[in-house]
Amino acid sequence: MTAKGSGYESSTVRQELADRIVTAIAIGAFSPGDRLPPERDLAAMQGVSRVTVREALKALSAQGLIVSRRGRDGGTFVAQVDADPGLTDIARRTLTAELPKLTEFFEYRCLIEGLVARTAAERRTDRQADALRALLARFREATRMSAARELDRRLHAQITAMAGNANLTRLCDQLNARATLGFSSEPYPPDYLDRATAEHTRLVTAIVEQDVEAAYRAAYDHFRLTLEIMQDTLHGS
C-alpha cells in the first residue's frame, strides 16, 4: 500500500485498499461472518490513515460486501454474498500486480519456516508435543473456515514457540503479514481444508517424532499453500 501522507490520501489509495480487502475475501483470508480487524489495526497493517480505511469500508458496505454491527460484539463483518464475476475480476487484477513481487519471497518464507520446524523438532519437550497433538486434533475437527484459520494460527504459533527463539518468532510474524497481503490472515478456502489437514498431520508427526529433516521438508512444502491458493484464484482454478 501507499504510505501514509499528511492528512490526505487520494481516491486511488482508498480504492486500492478496498480492492485488497475484496481480494482477501476472494482467496479465503476472511470468510462470510468473519469480523474484520478494527479500523486502527487495518490502518497500521496497510500503512494508510484511519480515514482511508473508513472510506474504503464505506464503499464496500455500499456494495453489500460487509456489514457493521453495534454493541459489545459489534464490528465490521464479511457479508454472505453470492459469487460475483466483478469481484473475481478485482481479485485477479490485484493478484496480477502482487504475485510477481511475492513469488521469490515465498521461497524465502518456506526456507525460514522449514528452519523453524526443524528447530522445534530438535528442542521440543513432551509437554509441547502433547499440546501440538491436541491442536492438530482440534484442527481435524474444524468444519468452519474461520475456526480452521484460528486453529492454524495457533498450531503454527505453537511450533514457532517450540523453536525457542524470540527473533524467529518476530520474523515469522513479519513473513506472515507480507504473505497475506498485509492482513496477517492465512487464506482458507473450503476446497483446501483436506489438503491443509494432511499437511498439518505430516508436519506435526515429524516434529513429535523429532525427525528433523522430515519436519523441515513438511514445513517447506506446507508454506507454499498460500501462494498456490493465490495462483489458483488468479487463474480461475
Protein backbone atom coordinates (compact mmCIF):
# COMPACT_ATOMS: atom_id res chain seq x y z
CA MET A 1 0.00 0.00 0.00
CA THR A 2 0.97 3.63 -0.40
CA ALA A 3 2.48 5.05 2.76
CA LYS A 4 0.60 7.46 5.00
CA GLY A 5 0.52 11.05 3.90
CA SER A 6 -0.01 14.25 5.83
CA GLY A 7 -3.75 14.02 6.28
CA TYR A 8 -4.65 13.46 2.66
CA GLU A 9 -4.72 10.34 0.56
CA SER A 10 -6.09 10.05 -2.94
CA SER A 11 -9.15 8.13 -4.02
CA THR A 12 -6.70 5.75 -5.73
CA VAL A 13 -5.32 4.70 -2.34
CA ARG A 14 -8.81 4.21 -0.94
CA GLN A 15 -9.79 2.11 -3.95
CA GLU A 16 -6.59 0.09 -3.68
CA LEU A 17 -7.35 -0.74 -0.07
CA ALA A 18 -10.93 -1.70 -0.92
CA ASP A 19 -9.61 -3.96 -3.70
CA ARG A 20 -7.14 -5.61 -1.32
CA ILE A 21 -9.94 -6.37 1.14
CA VAL A 22 -12.03 -7.83 -1.69
CA THR A 23 -9.02 -9.95 -2.70
CA ALA A 24 -8.50 -11.16 0.86
CA ILE A 25 -12.14 -12.29 0.91
CA ALA A 26 -11.81 -13.93 -2.52
CA ILE A 27 -8.78 -16.03 -1.53
CA GLY A 28 -10.37 -17.07 1.77
CA ALA A 29 -8.34 -14.97 4.20
CA PHE A 30 -11.69 -13.73 5.51
CA SER A 31 -14.84 -15.85 5.32
CA PRO A 32 -18.52 -14.81 5.44
CA GLY A 33 -19.37 -13.94 9.02
CA ASP A 34 -15.76 -13.14 9.99
CA ARG A 35 -15.08 -9.89 11.77
CA LEU A 36 -12.52 -7.69 10.04
CA PRO A 37 -9.74 -6.17 12.14
CA PRO A 38 -10.63 -2.82 13.74
CA GLU A 39 -10.03 0.34 11.71
CA ARG A 40 -6.92 1.24 13.70
CA ASP A 41 -5.38 -2.20 13.09
CA LEU A 42 -6.26 -2.15 9.39
CA ALA A 43 -4.63 1.25 9.06
CA ALA A 44 -1.44 0.00 10.70
CA MET A 45 -1.42 -3.21 8.66
CA GLN A 46 -1.86 -1.42 5.35
CA GLY A 47 0.13 1.74 6.04
CA VAL A 48 -2.73 4.17 5.48
CA SER A 49 -4.76 6.56 7.62
CA ARG A 50 -7.90 5.60 9.51
CA VAL A 51 -9.82 8.00 7.29
CA THR A 52 -8.77 5.97 4.26
CA VAL A 53 -9.80 2.74 5.99
CA ARG A 54 -13.17 4.20 6.94
CA GLU A 55 -13.86 5.37 3.39
CA ALA A 56 -12.80 2.03 1.89
CA LEU A 57 -15.09 0.17 4.29
CA LYS A 58 -17.92 2.58 3.49
CA ALA A 59 -17.56 1.75 -0.21
CA LEU A 60 -17.57 -1.99 0.47
CA SER A 61 -20.60 -1.62 2.71
CA ALA A 62 -22.46 0.17 -0.06
CA GLN A 63 -21.73 -2.83 -2.30
CA GLY A 64 -23.15 -5.21 0.33
CA LEU A 65 -19.80 -6.94 0.89
CA ILE A 66 -19.52 -6.05 4.56
CA VAL A 67 -21.96 -5.16 7.33
CA SER A 68 -21.47 -3.16 10.51
CA ARG A 69 -22.95 -4.12 13.86
CA ARG A 70 -23.07 -2.05 17.02
CA GLY A 71 -22.79 -3.18 20.59
CA ARG A 72 -20.46 -5.24 22.69
CA ASP A 73 -19.94 -7.86 19.97
CA GLY A 74 -20.10 -5.36 17.16
CA GLY A 75 -17.66 -4.53 14.44
CA THR A 76 -17.37 -4.90 10.69
CA PHE A 77 -18.21 -8.33 9.32
CA VAL A 78 -17.88 -10.03 5.93
CA ALA A 79 -21.34 -10.47 4.42
CA GLN A 80 -22.70 -13.66 2.92
CA VAL A 81 -22.65 -12.81 -0.78
CA ASP A 82 -23.11 -14.82 -3.95
CA ALA A 83 -20.24 -15.28 -6.39
CA ASP A 84 -19.85 -12.09 -8.38
CA PRO A 85 -17.72 -12.02 -11.56
CA GLY A 86 -16.95 -8.37 -10.88
CA LEU A 87 -15.41 -9.21 -7.51
CA THR A 88 -13.41 -12.03 -9.05
CA ASP A 89 -12.07 -9.60 -11.62
CA ILE A 90 -10.97 -7.25 -8.82
CA ALA A 91 -9.15 -10.08 -7.04
CA ARG A 92 -7.43 -11.19 -10.22
CA ARG A 93 -6.34 -7.66 -11.03
CA THR A 94 -4.87 -7.25 -7.55
CA LEU A 95 -3.13 -10.63 -7.65
CA THR A 96 -1.74 -9.91 -11.10
CA ALA A 97 0.07 -6.95 -9.56
CA GLU A 98 1.04 -8.67 -6.31
CA LEU A 99 2.18 -12.18 -7.24
CA PRO A 100 5.27 -11.27 -9.29
CA LYS A 101 6.57 -9.49 -6.19
CA LEU A 102 5.72 -12.41 -3.90
CA THR A 103 6.97 -15.49 -5.73
CA GLU A 104 10.62 -15.21 -4.66
CA PHE A 105 9.53 -14.03 -1.23
CA PHE A 106 7.54 -17.24 -0.71
CA GLU A 107 10.66 -19.32 -1.28
CA TYR A 108 12.36 -17.30 1.45
CA ARG A 109 9.37 -17.82 3.75
CA CYS A 110 9.40 -21.57 3.11
CA LEU A 111 13.12 -21.73 3.93
CA ILE A 112 12.61 -19.88 7.22
CA GLU A 113 9.55 -21.92 8.24
CA GLY A 114 11.47 -25.11 7.42
CA LEU A 115 14.21 -23.97 9.78
CA VAL A 116 11.62 -23.20 12.46
CA ALA A 117 10.09 -26.67 12.16
CA ARG A 118 13.49 -28.37 12.22
CA THR A 119 14.47 -26.45 15.35
CA ALA A 120 11.13 -27.23 17.00
CA ALA A 121 11.70 -30.93 16.32
CA GLU A 122 15.16 -30.74 17.88
CA ARG A 123 14.08 -28.86 21.00
CA ARG A 124 10.51 -29.93 21.70
CA THR A 125 9.52 -31.17 25.15
CA ASP A 126 6.99 -33.90 25.81
CA ARG A 127 4.53 -31.30 27.14
CA GLN A 128 4.92 -29.21 24.00
CA ALA A 129 4.44 -32.28 21.81
CA ASP A 130 1.20 -33.10 23.65
CA ALA A 131 -0.05 -29.52 23.16
CA LEU A 132 0.78 -29.69 19.46
CA ARG A 133 -1.05 -33.00 19.02
CA ALA A 134 -4.09 -31.53 20.79
CA LEU A 135 -4.16 -28.56 18.40
CA LEU A 136 -3.91 -30.89 15.43
CA ALA A 137 -6.84 -32.94 16.73
CA ARG A 138 -8.95 -29.78 17.03
CA PHE A 139 -7.94 -28.66 13.55
CA ARG A 140 -9.04 -32.01 12.12
CA GLU A 141 -12.48 -31.48 13.66
CA ALA A 142 -12.91 -27.96 12.29
CA THR A 143 -15.72 -27.50 9.78
CA ARG A 144 -15.95 -23.70 9.68
CA MET A 145 -13.22 -21.90 7.80
CA SER A 146 -12.89 -19.18 10.42
CA ALA A 147 -12.31 -21.84 13.09
CA ALA A 148 -9.79 -23.66 10.89
CA ARG A 149 -7.95 -20.38 10.28
CA GLU A 150 -7.71 -19.62 14.00
CA LEU A 151 -6.53 -23.14 14.82
CA ASP A 152 -3.98 -22.94 12.00
CA ARG A 153 -2.64 -19.74 13.57
CA ARG A 154 -2.41 -21.36 17.00
CA LEU A 155 -0.80 -24.54 15.66
CA HIS A 156 1.94 -22.64 13.86
CA ALA A 157 2.42 -20.30 16.81
CA GLN A 158 2.97 -23.37 18.97
CA ILE A 159 5.59 -24.71 16.55
CA THR A 160 7.37 -21.34 16.49
CA ALA A 161 7.33 -21.21 20.30
CA MET A 162 8.81 -24.71 20.40
CA ALA A 163 11.78 -23.43 18.39
CA GLY A 164 12.56 -21.27 21.42
CA ASN A 165 13.93 -18.18 19.67
CA ALA A 166 12.24 -14.80 20.00
CA ASN A 167 13.93 -13.49 16.85
CA LEU A 168 12.40 -16.31 14.80
CA THR A 169 9.01 -15.54 16.31
CA ARG A 170 9.21 -11.89 15.26
CA LEU A 171 10.46 -12.83 11.80
CA CYS A 172 7.64 -15.34 11.27
CA ASP A 173 5.08 -12.69 12.23
CA GLN A 174 6.57 -10.33 9.65
CA LEU A 175 6.62 -13.01 6.96
CA ASN A 176 3.02 -13.95 7.67
CA ALA A 177 1.89 -10.34 7.25
CA ARG A 178 3.62 -9.91 3.92
CA ALA A 179 2.45 -13.28 2.60
CA THR A 180 -1.19 -12.43 3.28
CA LEU A 181 -1.37 -9.01 1.58
CA GLY A 182 -0.72 -7.31 4.91
CA PHE A 183 -3.72 -8.77 6.76
CA SER A 184 -1.90 -11.49 8.78
CA SER A 185 -4.75 -13.89 8.00
CA GLU A 186 -3.94 -17.08 6.08
CA PRO A 187 -6.34 -17.92 3.24
CA TYR A 188 -8.52 -20.96 3.86
CA PRO A 189 -10.98 -21.67 1.04
CA PRO A 190 -13.09 -24.78 1.82
CA ASP A 191 -11.62 -26.75 -1.09
CA TYR A 192 -8.18 -26.69 0.54
CA LEU A 193 -9.14 -27.86 4.03
CA ASP A 194 -8.45 -31.57 3.40
CA ARG A 195 -5.04 -30.80 1.96
CA ALA A 196 -4.17 -28.50 4.87
CA THR A 197 -5.22 -31.22 7.31
CA ALA A 198 -2.97 -33.77 5.62
CA GLU A 199 -0.05 -31.35 5.56
CA HIS A 200 -0.52 -30.41 9.21
CA THR A 201 -0.60 -34.09 10.13
CA ARG A 202 2.66 -34.70 8.29
CA LEU A 203 4.30 -31.68 9.92
CA VAL A 204 3.14 -32.43 13.46
CA THR A 205 4.12 -36.11 13.18
CA ALA A 206 7.64 -35.20 12.09
CA ILE A 207 8.09 -32.70 14.93
CA VAL A 208 6.68 -35.02 17.59
CA GLU A 209 8.90 -37.87 16.38
CA GLN A 210 11.87 -35.47 16.26
CA ASP A 211 12.56 -36.30 12.64
CA VAL A 212 14.30 -33.02 11.88
CA GLU A 213 14.71 -33.47 8.14
CA ALA A 214 11.11 -34.60 7.67
CA ALA A 215 9.95 -31.61 9.76
CA TYR A 216 11.93 -29.22 7.56
CA ARG A 217 10.55 -30.68 4.33
CA ALA A 218 6.96 -30.81 5.64
CA ALA A 219 7.06 -27.14 6.65
CA TYR A 220 8.74 -26.07 3.42
CA ASP A 221 6.07 -27.83 1.36
CA HIS A 222 3.17 -26.65 3.54
CA PHE A 223 4.00 -22.95 3.40
CA ARG A 224 3.73 -22.97 -0.37
CA LEU A 225 -0.01 -23.49 0.05
CA THR A 226 -0.78 -19.78 0.46
CA LEU A 227 0.98 -18.99 -2.81
CA GLU A 228 -0.83 -21.81 -4.61
CA ILE A 229 -4.20 -20.58 -3.36
CA MET A 230 -3.45 -17.13 -4.74
CA GLN A 231 -2.25 -18.56 -8.04
CA ASP A 232 -5.37 -20.70 -8.35
CA THR A 233 -7.57 -17.65 -7.65
CA LEU A 234 -5.69 -15.69 -10.29
CA HIS A 235 -6.06 -18.40 -12.93
CA GLY A 236 -9.62 -19.35 -12.02
CA SER A 237 -8.91 -22.86 -10.67
